[in-house]
Amino acid sequence: EEMSDAVYDDVIRTESERVEKTVDIYESADCVRDHDFRTETKTHQPLQRT
């Protein structure tokens, strides 16, 4: 019983770590996309004015 508890805890820990990594990837991807969008609008604005 103690053995299976340890294995179960290990699985939970690994699973939650994997989820955290996935969240980090999505968050950094969002940051990059926001940054790209802002850079694009800054570049396009002068073109629209002229």
N, C-alpha and C. Protein backbone atom coordinates (compact mmCIF):
# COMPACT_ATOMS: atom_id res chain seq x y z
N GLU A 1 0.84 -1.21 0.00
CA GLU A 1 0.00 0.00 0.00
C GLU A 1 0.88 1.27 0.00
N GLU A 2 1.88 1.27 0.86
CA GLU A 2 2.78 2.44 0.90
C GLU A 2 3.46 2.64 -0.45
N MET A 3 3.81 1.52 -1.07
CA MET A 3 4.48 1.58 -2.37
C MET A 3 3.58 2.25 -3.40
N SER A 4 2.33 1.82 -3.49
CA SER A 4 1.42 2.38 -4.49
C SER A 4 1.13 3.85 -4.19
N ASP A 5 1.09 4.22 -2.91
CA ASP A 5 0.90 5.63 -2.55
C ASP A 5 2.05 6.47 -3.09
N ALA A 6 3.25 5.97 -2.93
CA ALA A 6 4.43 6.70 -3.40
C ALA A 6 4.39 6.86 -4.91
N VAL A 7 4.03 5.80 -5.60
CA VAL A 7 3.93 5.86 -7.06
C VAL A 7 2.86 6.86 -7.47
N TYR A 8 1.73 6.82 -6.78
CA TYR A 8 0.62 7.73 -7.08
C TYR A 8 1.05 9.18 -6.88
N ASP A 9 1.72 9.45 -5.76
CA ASP A 9 2.22 10.81 -5.50
C ASP A 9 3.17 11.25 -6.60
N ASP A 10 4.01 10.34 -7.04
CA ASP A 10 4.99 10.65 -8.08
C ASP A 10 4.28 11.01 -9.38
N VAL A 11 3.25 10.26 -9.71
CA VAL A 11 2.49 10.52 -10.93
C VAL A 11 1.82 11.89 -10.85
N ILE A 12 1.22 12.19 -9.70
CA ILE A 12 0.56 13.49 -9.51
C ILE A 12 1.59 14.61 -9.67
N ARG A 13 2.75 14.44 -9.06
CA ARG A 13 3.78 15.48 -9.12
C ARG A 13 4.23 15.69 -10.56
N THR A 14 4.50 14.61 -11.26
CA THR A 14 4.95 14.71 -12.65
C THR A 14 3.89 15.37 -13.51
N GLU A 15 2.64 14.99 -13.28
CA GLU A 15 1.53 15.53 -14.07
C GLU A 15 1.38 17.03 -13.85
N SER A 16 1.43 17.47 -12.59
CA SER A 16 1.25 18.89 -12.31
C SER A 16 2.43 19.70 -12.85
N GLU A 17 3.62 19.13 -12.80
CA GLU A 17 4.79 19.82 -13.37
C GLU A 17 4.62 19.99 -14.87
N ARG A 18 4.10 18.94 -15.52
CA ARG A 18 3.90 19.00 -16.97
C ARG A 18 2.87 20.08 -17.31
N VAL A 19 1.82 20.16 -16.51
CA VAL A 19 0.79 21.18 -16.74
C VAL A 19 1.38 22.57 -16.57
N GLU A 20 2.20 22.75 -15.54
CA GLU A 20 2.82 24.06 -15.31
C GLU A 20 3.70 24.45 -16.49
N LYS A 21 4.47 23.49 -17.01
CA LYS A 21 5.33 23.78 -18.16
C LYS A 21 4.49 24.20 -19.36
N THR A 22 3.37 23.50 -19.57
CA THR A 22 2.49 23.82 -20.69
C THR A 22 1.94 25.23 -20.54
N VAL A 23 1.55 25.59 -19.32
CA VAL A 23 1.02 26.93 -19.05
C VAL A 23 2.10 27.97 -19.35
N ASP A 24 3.33 27.70 -18.91
CA ASP A 24 4.44 28.61 -19.18
C ASP A 24 4.62 28.82 -20.68
N ILE A 25 4.55 27.74 -21.44
CA ILE A 25 4.72 27.83 -22.89
C ILE A 25 3.63 28.70 -23.49
N TYR A 26 2.38 28.48 -23.06
CA TYR A 26 1.28 29.28 -23.60
C TYR A 26 1.43 30.75 -23.22
N GLU A 27 1.82 31.02 -21.97
CA GLU A 27 1.97 32.40 -21.52
C GLU A 27 3.06 33.11 -22.30
N SER A 28 4.20 32.46 -22.50
CA SER A 28 5.28 33.10 -23.25
C SER A 28 4.90 33.28 -24.71
N ALA A 29 4.13 32.35 -25.25
CA ALA A 29 3.66 32.49 -26.63
C ALA A 29 2.73 33.69 -26.75
N ASP A 30 1.88 33.90 -25.73
CA ASP A 30 0.99 35.07 -25.72
C ASP A 30 1.81 36.35 -25.70
N CYS A 31 2.85 36.39 -24.88
CA CYS A 31 3.70 37.57 -24.79
C CYS A 31 4.33 37.88 -26.14
N VAL A 32 4.82 36.86 -26.80
CA VAL A 32 5.46 37.06 -28.10
C VAL A 32 4.44 37.58 -29.11
N ARG A 33 3.24 37.00 -29.09
CA ARG A 33 2.21 37.42 -30.04
C ARG A 33 1.82 38.88 -29.78
N ASP A 34 1.63 39.24 -28.51
CA ASP A 34 1.30 40.63 -28.17
C ASP A 34 2.40 41.56 -28.64
N HIS A 35 3.64 41.17 -28.41
CA HIS A 35 4.77 42.01 -28.79
C HIS A 35 4.81 42.20 -30.31
N ASP A 36 4.63 41.11 -31.03
CA ASP A 36 4.61 41.19 -32.50
C ASP A 36 3.51 42.12 -32.98
N PHE A 37 2.34 41.99 -32.38
CA PHE A 37 1.20 42.80 -32.78
C PHE A 37 1.49 44.29 -32.54
N ARG A 38 2.05 44.61 -31.38
CA ARG A 38 2.37 46.00 -31.07
C ARG A 38 3.42 46.54 -32.04
N THR A 39 4.42 45.73 -32.32
CA THR A 39 5.47 46.17 -33.25
C THR A 39 4.88 46.43 -34.63
N GLU A 40 3.99 45.55 -35.06
CA GLU A 40 3.37 45.71 -36.38
C GLU A 40 2.55 46.99 -36.44
N THR A 41 1.75 47.26 -35.41
CA THR A 41 0.90 48.46 -35.44
C THR A 41 1.78 49.71 -35.44
N LYS A 42 2.88 49.69 -34.70
CA LYS A 42 3.79 50.84 -34.70
C LYS A 42 4.38 51.04 -36.09
N THR A 43 4.71 49.96 -36.77
CA THR A 43 5.31 50.08 -38.10
C THR A 43 4.28 50.55 -39.11
N HIS A 44 3.04 50.10 -38.96
CA HIS A 44 2.01 50.44 -39.94
C HIS A 44 1.50 51.87 -39.77
N GLN A 45 1.49 52.39 -38.55
CA GLN A 45 0.93 53.72 -38.30
C GLN A 45 1.56 54.82 -39.16
N PRO A 46 2.88 54.93 -39.23
CA PRO A 46 3.45 56.00 -40.07
C PRO A 46 3.05 55.86 -41.53
N LEU A 47 2.92 54.62 -42.01
CA LEU A 47 2.52 54.40 -43.39
C LEU A 47 1.11 54.92 -43.63
N GLN A 48 0.24 54.74 -42.65
CA GLN A 48 -1.15 55.19 -42.82
C GLN A 48 -1.24 56.71 -42.82
N ARG A 49 -0.36 57.36 -42.07
CA ARG A 49 -0.42 58.82 -41.99
C ARG A 49 0.00 59.47 -43.29
N THR A 50 0.98 58.91 -43.97
CA THR A 50 1.50 59.55 -45.18
C THR A 50 0.63 59.32 -46.39
